[in-house]
Protein backbone atom coordinates (compact mmCIF):
# COMPACT_ATOMS: atom_id res chain seq x y z
CA MET A 1 81.73 160.19 155.43
CA SER A 2 79.35 157.78 153.73
CA LEU A 3 79.39 157.11 150.02
CA LYS A 4 76.14 157.86 148.24
CA SER A 5 76.91 156.08 144.97
CA PHE A 6 79.19 153.41 143.57
CA GLU A 7 80.39 156.14 141.19
CA GLU A 8 82.36 157.60 144.09
CA LEU A 9 84.40 154.40 144.55
CA GLU A 10 87.96 154.67 143.27
CA CYS A 11 87.89 151.02 142.19
CA TRP A 12 84.77 151.62 140.07
CA LYS A 13 86.36 154.71 138.52
CA ALA A 14 89.48 152.72 137.64
CA CYS A 15 87.40 149.94 136.09
CA LYS A 16 85.44 152.48 134.05
CA VAL A 17 88.69 153.86 132.62
CA VAL A 18 89.69 150.33 131.60
CA LYS A 19 86.22 149.65 130.14
CA ASP A 20 86.34 152.84 128.08
CA TYR A 21 89.85 152.07 126.81
CA ILE A 22 88.94 148.48 125.88
CA THR A 23 85.82 149.71 124.06
CA LYS A 24 88.06 151.98 122.00
CA ILE A 25 90.80 149.50 121.10
CA ILE A 26 88.62 146.51 120.20
CA LYS A 27 87.16 148.59 117.37
CA THR A 28 90.53 148.17 115.64
CA PHE A 29 90.55 144.36 115.89
CA PRO A 30 89.84 142.25 112.80
CA ASP A 31 86.27 141.13 112.11
CA SER A 32 87.38 137.53 112.49
CA GLU A 33 87.62 138.16 116.26
CA LYS A 34 84.09 139.57 116.53
CA PHE A 35 82.62 136.47 118.19
CA ASP A 36 85.63 135.53 120.25
CA LEU A 37 88.23 137.96 121.53
CA ILE A 38 86.26 141.15 120.90
CA ASP A 39 83.13 139.77 122.54
CA ASN A 40 85.01 138.36 125.51
CA MET A 41 87.03 141.53 126.13
CA LYS A 42 83.91 143.65 125.92
CA ARG A 43 82.05 141.42 128.39
CA ALA A 44 85.00 141.17 130.80
CA ALA A 45 85.63 144.93 130.75
CA ARG A 46 81.97 145.69 131.35
CA SER A 47 81.77 143.05 134.06
CA THR A 48 84.47 144.69 136.14
CA ALA A 49 82.52 147.91 136.69
CA ARG A 50 79.10 146.23 136.75
CA ASN A 51 80.00 143.88 139.57
CA ILE A 52 81.35 146.71 141.71
CA ALA A 53 78.12 148.63 141.13
CA GLU A 54 75.96 145.61 141.92
CA GLY A 55 77.92 144.80 145.06
CA PHE A 56 77.58 148.38 146.26
CA GLY A 57 73.82 148.12 145.76
CA ARG A 58 73.60 145.04 147.98
CA HIS A 59 74.26 147.24 151.05
CA HIS A 60 76.00 144.43 152.91
CA TYR A 61 79.76 144.28 153.16
CA LYS A 62 80.00 140.49 152.67
CA GLU A 63 77.97 140.53 149.47
CA ASN A 64 79.76 143.66 148.31
CA SER A 65 83.10 141.95 148.87
CA GLN A 66 81.98 138.89 146.88
CA PHE A 67 80.99 141.02 143.89
CA CYS A 68 84.35 142.82 144.08
CA ARG A 69 86.10 139.43 143.99
CA ILE A 70 84.11 138.58 140.84
CA SER A 71 85.24 141.90 139.38
CA ARG A 72 88.84 141.02 140.24
CA GLY A 73 88.45 137.75 138.34
CA SER A 74 87.18 139.66 135.31
CA LEU A 75 90.22 141.92 135.45
CA TYR A 76 92.51 138.89 135.40
CA GLU A 77 90.52 137.49 132.48
CA LEU A 78 91.00 140.78 130.69
CA ILE A 79 94.75 140.66 131.30
CA ASP A 80 94.85 137.24 129.64
CA ASP A 81 92.89 138.63 126.67
CA LEU A 82 95.38 141.50 126.43
CA ILE A 83 98.24 139.02 126.29
CA THR A 84 96.44 137.20 123.48
CA SER A 85 95.83 140.51 121.71
CA LYS A 86 99.51 141.34 121.93
CA ASP A 87 100.54 137.85 120.80
CA GLU A 88 98.25 138.16 117.77
CA ASN A 89 99.64 141.66 117.03
CA TYR A 90 96.26 143.36 117.45
CA ILE A 91 97.86 145.72 119.94
CA ASP A 92 101.45 146.84 120.28
CA ASP A 93 103.63 146.85 123.38
CA ASN A 94 102.77 150.46 124.20
CA VAL A 95 99.03 149.82 124.24
CA TYR A 96 99.54 146.64 126.24
CA ASP A 97 101.75 148.39 128.81
CA ASP A 98 99.34 151.32 129.08
CA LEU A 99 96.40 149.01 129.70
CA ARG A 100 98.31 146.94 132.25
CA ILE A 101 98.93 150.15 134.20
CA LYS A 102 95.27 151.14 133.93
CA ILE A 103 94.12 147.77 135.25
CA ALA A 104 94.34 148.87 138.85
CA LEU A 105 94.12 145.57 140.67
CA LYS A 106 95.70 147.09 143.80
CA ILE A 107 92.81 149.53 144.17
CA LEU A 108 90.22 146.76 143.87
CA ILE A 109 92.15 144.43 146.16
CA GLY A 110 92.37 147.29 148.68
CA ASN A 111 88.60 147.71 148.55
CA ILE A 112 88.12 143.97 149.07
CA GLY A 113 90.46 144.14 152.08
CA TYR A 114 88.56 147.10 153.49
CA LEU A 115 85.23 145.32 153.10
CA SER A 116 86.64 142.13 154.64
CA ASN A 117 87.77 144.03 157.74
CA ILE A 118 84.38 145.63 158.46
CA ASN A 119 82.97 144.29 161.73
CA ASN A 120 86.13 142.31 162.51
């Protein structure tokens, strides 16, 4: 079975959940973080799903894999921003733990592994 859209990819779906959650919680952050933490978290969260979509559109497994690796980097960046958010008391432990579970690195890493094994 061939995928017709990046929207069918489990890794994209997982990144969209994270993006939607981040979009919601950053609205509660103080205005003083508007041009730093809020902006960076918004860009990193959006980047995760965008890069998966762009890689899918390249129609070549090596390029697709590279864009998924960029997405993985954005997820790690987002984890660091979540740690900062927790340290600054912008989010509590429950929100932090919930987001860490939602950041499904294993799904994305599995997709990268799948793409890396094509034609091997």
